[in-house]
Every structure is written in structure tokens, then in C-alpha cells.
Amino acid sequence: MKYDETAIDPSVPPSGAGCVECDQTGGWWFHLRRCTACGHIGCCDNSPAQHATGHAKASGHSVICSFEPGEDWFWDYRTESFMHGPALASPTHRPVDQPAPGPRGRVPADWQAKLHP
């Protein structure tokens, strides 16, 4: 099955090594997601701020993929389902020395109590 070329641009690199908005505000994340249209890195829906979904809603960019080491799945918000996608521009995951949750030094001691189910 061919992927939707309007939702996925394999040539666009990720916006950075962590959630764009969390880095701007001093926040923290549980796991990271990558917008496949523009490369925006946002935090997952279990994270306190849920920036990846917020970016999808605000931008209309409907497909994300995991930005975690060892994960290679894609998610389509329009169909609310997993999908297949192409190889994306590197890097394809956060730095392996960056912990999850992260980033180091900004995660509160009671972080588990602050996650969304």
C-alpha cells in the first residue's frame, strides 16, 4: 500500500532531539512522536502536555511516527489506526543517551503520578 504523500515527507528531518514545546517551556515528556509532514517532535498523549496531538490538531498534519529507539510504527489521526510508512530522514529516534521520561534534569520525582492514562 502506498503511503499518503501529503501526510508523509520522507526527506524532512526531525525538528530536534526533544519535544519542541516542552523544551521552550522547561517541561518534560514521557515518550516522543514525530510529525511525518514537517518533522515536528512532540510529546506523546501519556505526557502531561500532549504536544504531538496538539500539533496534529493545530497544523492538520495527520500522521505521526514514534521517535523512540527500537520503534518503527506510524499512526494516522484521521483513521485512528496504525499504518505503514517509508524510511524517514535521520535521525529516526531520540538520542539513546537521553532517558525516557526526559530530558534528564527536568523530570519530577513523582512523574508517574503526572502521566495521562
C-alpha atoms as a PDB file:
ATOM      1  CA  MET A   1       0.000   0.000   0.000  1.00  0.00           C
ATOM      2  CA  LYS A   2       1.387   3.393  -0.979  1.00  0.00           C
ATOM      3  CA  TYR A   3       1.563   5.992   1.758  1.00  0.00           C
ATOM      4  CA  ASP A   4      -0.175   9.365   1.520  1.00  0.00           C
ATOM      5  CA  GLU A   5       2.465  11.734   0.124  1.00  0.00           C
ATOM      6  CA  THR A   6       0.586  14.762   1.511  1.00  0.00           C
ATOM      7  CA  ALA A   7       0.881  13.341   5.039  1.00  0.00           C
ATOM      8  CA  ILE A   8       4.434  11.976   4.894  1.00  0.00           C
ATOM      9  CA  ASP A   9       7.539  13.718   3.573  1.00  0.00           C
ATOM     10  CA  PRO A  10      10.447  11.282   3.979  1.00  0.00           C
ATOM     11  CA  SER A  11      13.031  13.995   3.261  1.00  0.00           C
ATOM     12  CA  VAL A  12      12.164  16.263   6.216  1.00  0.00           C
ATOM     13  CA  PRO A  13      14.485  15.826   9.221  1.00  0.00           C
ATOM     14  CA  PRO A  14      13.156  15.925  12.794  1.00  0.00           C
ATOM     15  CA  SER A  15      12.935  19.337  14.466  1.00  0.00           C
ATOM     16  CA  GLY A  16      15.331  18.313  17.238  1.00  0.00           C
ATOM     17  CA  ALA A  17      16.088  15.729  19.888  1.00  0.00           C
ATOM     18  CA  GLY A  18      13.142  16.504  22.170  1.00  0.00           C
ATOM     19  CA  CYS A  19       9.631  17.930  22.311  1.00  0.00           C
ATOM     20  CA  VAL A  20       9.733  21.421  20.797  1.00  0.00           C
ATOM     21  CA  GLU A  21       7.197  22.965  23.181  1.00  0.00           C
ATOM     22  CA  CYS A  22       8.487  21.207  26.316  1.00  0.00           C
ATOM     23  CA  ASP A  23      11.989  22.446  25.510  1.00  0.00           C
ATOM     24  CA  GLN A  24      10.638  26.001  25.121  1.00  0.00           C
ATOM     25  CA  THR A  25       8.723  25.919  28.413  1.00  0.00           C
ATOM     26  CA  GLY A  26      11.026  23.794  30.565  1.00  0.00           C
ATOM     27  CA  GLY A  27       8.572  20.883  30.552  1.00  0.00           C
ATOM     28  CA  TRP A  28       9.230  17.171  30.313  1.00  0.00           C
ATOM     29  CA  TRP A  29       7.911  14.218  28.321  1.00  0.00           C
ATOM     30  CA  PHE A  30       7.291  10.520  28.646  1.00  0.00           C
ATOM     31  CA  HIS A  31       7.799   9.456  25.015  1.00  0.00           C
ATOM     32  CA  LEU A  32       8.352  11.368  21.787  1.00  0.00           C
ATOM     33  CA  ARG A  33       6.456  11.432  18.487  1.00  0.00           C
ATOM     34  CA  ARG A  34       7.498  12.824  15.106  1.00  0.00           C
ATOM     35  CA  CYS A  35       5.212  14.567  12.637  1.00  0.00           C
ATOM     36  CA  THR A  36       5.797  12.905   9.286  1.00  0.00           C
ATOM     37  CA  ALA A  37       4.793  16.012   7.324  1.00  0.00           C
ATOM     38  CA  CYS A  38       7.083  18.620   8.885  1.00  0.00           C
ATOM     39  CA  GLY A  39       9.374  16.793  11.348  1.00  0.00           C
ATOM     40  CA  HIS A  40       7.939  18.455  14.488  1.00  0.00           C
ATOM     41  CA  ILE A  41       8.877  16.471  17.594  1.00  0.00           C
ATOM     42  CA  GLY A  42       6.179  16.464  20.252  1.00  0.00           C
ATOM     43  CA  CYS A  43       5.444  14.548  23.416  1.00  0.00           C
ATOM     44  CA  CYS A  44       3.041  11.591  23.465  1.00  0.00           C
ATOM     45  CA  ASP A  45      -0.502  11.513  24.810  1.00  0.00           C
ATOM     46  CA  ASN A  46       0.661   9.963  28.093  1.00  0.00           C
ATOM     47  CA  SER A  47       2.885  13.007  28.662  1.00  0.00           C
ATOM     48  CA  PRO A  48       1.476  15.895  30.713  1.00  0.00           C
ATOM     49  CA  ALA A  49       1.247  18.342  27.788  1.00  0.00           C
ATOM     50  CA  GLN A  50       0.393  16.012  24.856  1.00  0.00           C
ATOM     51  CA  HIS A  51       2.124  18.270  22.321  1.00  0.00           C
ATOM     52  CA  ALA A  52       2.216  15.768  19.416  1.00  0.00           C
ATOM     53  CA  THR A  53      -1.581  15.558  19.271  1.00  0.00           C
ATOM     54  CA  GLY A  54      -1.824  19.314  19.797  1.00  0.00           C
ATOM     55  CA  HIS A  55       0.456  19.866  16.817  1.00  0.00           C
ATOM     56  CA  ALA A  56      -1.617  17.498  14.664  1.00  0.00           C
ATOM     57  CA  LYS A  57      -4.838  19.321  15.545  1.00  0.00           C
ATOM     58  CA  ALA A  58      -3.374  22.803  15.030  1.00  0.00           C
ATOM     59  CA  SER A  59      -1.485  22.016  11.815  1.00  0.00           C
ATOM     60  CA  GLY A  60      -3.749  19.467  10.158  1.00  0.00           C
ATOM     61  CA  HIS A  61      -0.766  17.123   9.850  1.00  0.00           C
ATOM     62  CA  SER A  62      -2.447  13.772  10.383  1.00  0.00           C
ATOM     63  CA  VAL A  63       0.376  11.214  10.591  1.00  0.00           C
ATOM     64  CA  ILE A  64       2.987  10.717  13.297  1.00  0.00           C
ATOM     65  CA  CYS A  65       5.572   8.072  13.989  1.00  0.00           C
ATOM     66  CA  SER A  66       7.416   7.043  17.101  1.00  0.00           C
ATOM     67  CA  PHE A  67      10.643   8.909  17.868  1.00  0.00           C
ATOM     68  CA  GLU A  68      11.748   6.249  20.348  1.00  0.00           C
ATOM     69  CA  PRO A  69      14.684   3.861  19.814  1.00  0.00           C
ATOM     70  CA  GLY A  70      13.605   0.453  18.530  1.00  0.00           C
ATOM     71  CA  GLU A  71      10.118   1.571  17.464  1.00  0.00           C
ATOM     72  CA  ASP A  72       9.101   1.959  13.833  1.00  0.00           C
ATOM     73  CA  TRP A  73       5.320   2.439  13.852  1.00  0.00           C
ATOM     74  CA  PHE A  74       3.218   5.151  12.200  1.00  0.00           C
ATOM     75  CA  TRP A  75      -0.195   6.428  13.406  1.00  0.00           C
ATOM     76  CA  ASP A  76      -2.867   8.189  11.350  1.00  0.00           C
ATOM     77  CA  TYR A  77      -5.091  10.526  13.393  1.00  0.00           C
ATOM     78  CA  ARG A  78      -7.708  10.601  10.593  1.00  0.00           C
ATOM     79  CA  THR A  79      -8.330   6.868  10.689  1.00  0.00           C
ATOM     80  CA  GLU A  80      -7.200   6.381  14.305  1.00  0.00           C
ATOM     81  CA  SER A  81      -5.123   3.422  13.229  1.00  0.00           C
ATOM     82  CA  PHE A  82      -1.584   2.252  12.727  1.00  0.00           C
ATOM     83  CA  MET A  83      -0.249   2.331   9.194  1.00  0.00           C
ATOM     84  CA  HIS A  84       2.863   1.577   7.180  1.00  0.00           C
ATOM     85  CA  GLY A  85       5.222   4.324   6.155  1.00  0.00           C
ATOM     86  CA  PRO A  86       8.532   4.846   4.381  1.00  0.00           C
ATOM     87  CA  ALA A  87      12.008   5.276   5.842  1.00  0.00           C
ATOM     88  CA  LEU A  88      12.365   8.838   7.107  1.00  0.00           C
ATOM     89  CA  ALA A  89      15.312  11.217   7.197  1.00  0.00           C
ATOM     90  CA  SER A  90      17.726  10.634  10.077  1.00  0.00           C
ATOM     91  CA  PRO A  91      17.794  10.627  12.973  1.00  0.00           C
ATOM     92  CA  THR A  92      14.832   8.305  13.404  1.00  0.00           C
ATOM     93  CA  HIS A  93      14.780   8.355  17.214  1.00  0.00           C
ATOM     94  CA  ARG A  94      15.792  10.442  20.204  1.00  0.00           C
ATOM     95  CA  PRO A  95      19.418  10.151  21.320  1.00  0.00           C
ATOM     96  CA  VAL A  96      19.883   6.809  23.083  1.00  0.00           C
ATOM     97  CA  ASP A  97      21.634   8.531  25.980  1.00  0.00           C
ATOM     98  CA  GLN A  98      18.566  10.721  26.586  1.00  0.00           C
ATOM     99  CA  PRO A  99      16.334   8.974  29.133  1.00  0.00           C
ATOM    100  CA  ALA A 100      12.611   8.345  28.889  1.00  0.00           C
ATOM    101  CA  PRO A 101      10.972  10.079  30.537  1.00  0.00           C
ATOM    102  CA  GLY A 102      13.148  13.023  29.729  1.00  0.00           C
ATOM    103  CA  PRO A 103      15.007  15.137  29.436  1.00  0.00           C
ATOM    104  CA  ARG A 104      17.423  14.453  32.243  1.00  0.00           C
ATOM    105  CA  GLY A 105      17.134  17.033  34.999  1.00  0.00           C
ATOM    106  CA  ARG A 106      13.557  18.156  34.236  1.00  0.00           C
ATOM    107  CA  VAL A 107      11.561  15.047  35.168  1.00  0.00           C
ATOM    108  CA  PRO A 108       9.873  15.378  38.588  1.00  0.00           C
ATOM    109  CA  ALA A 109      10.333  12.650  41.186  1.00  0.00           C
ATOM    110  CA  ASP A 110       6.584  11.910  41.087  1.00  0.00           C
ATOM    111  CA  TRP A 111       6.441  11.757  37.266  1.00  0.00           C
ATOM    112  CA  GLN A 112       4.365   8.552  37.179  1.00  0.00           C
ATOM    113  CA  ALA A 113       1.522  10.303  39.002  1.00  0.00           C
ATOM    114  CA  LYS A 114       1.518  13.035  36.359  1.00  0.00           C
ATOM    115  CA  LEU A 115       1.051  10.771  33.321  1.00  0.00           C
ATOM    116  CA  HIS A 116      -2.210  10.599  31.378  1.00  0.00           C
ATOM    117  CA  PRO A 117      -3.650   7.099  31.140  1.00  0.00           C
END
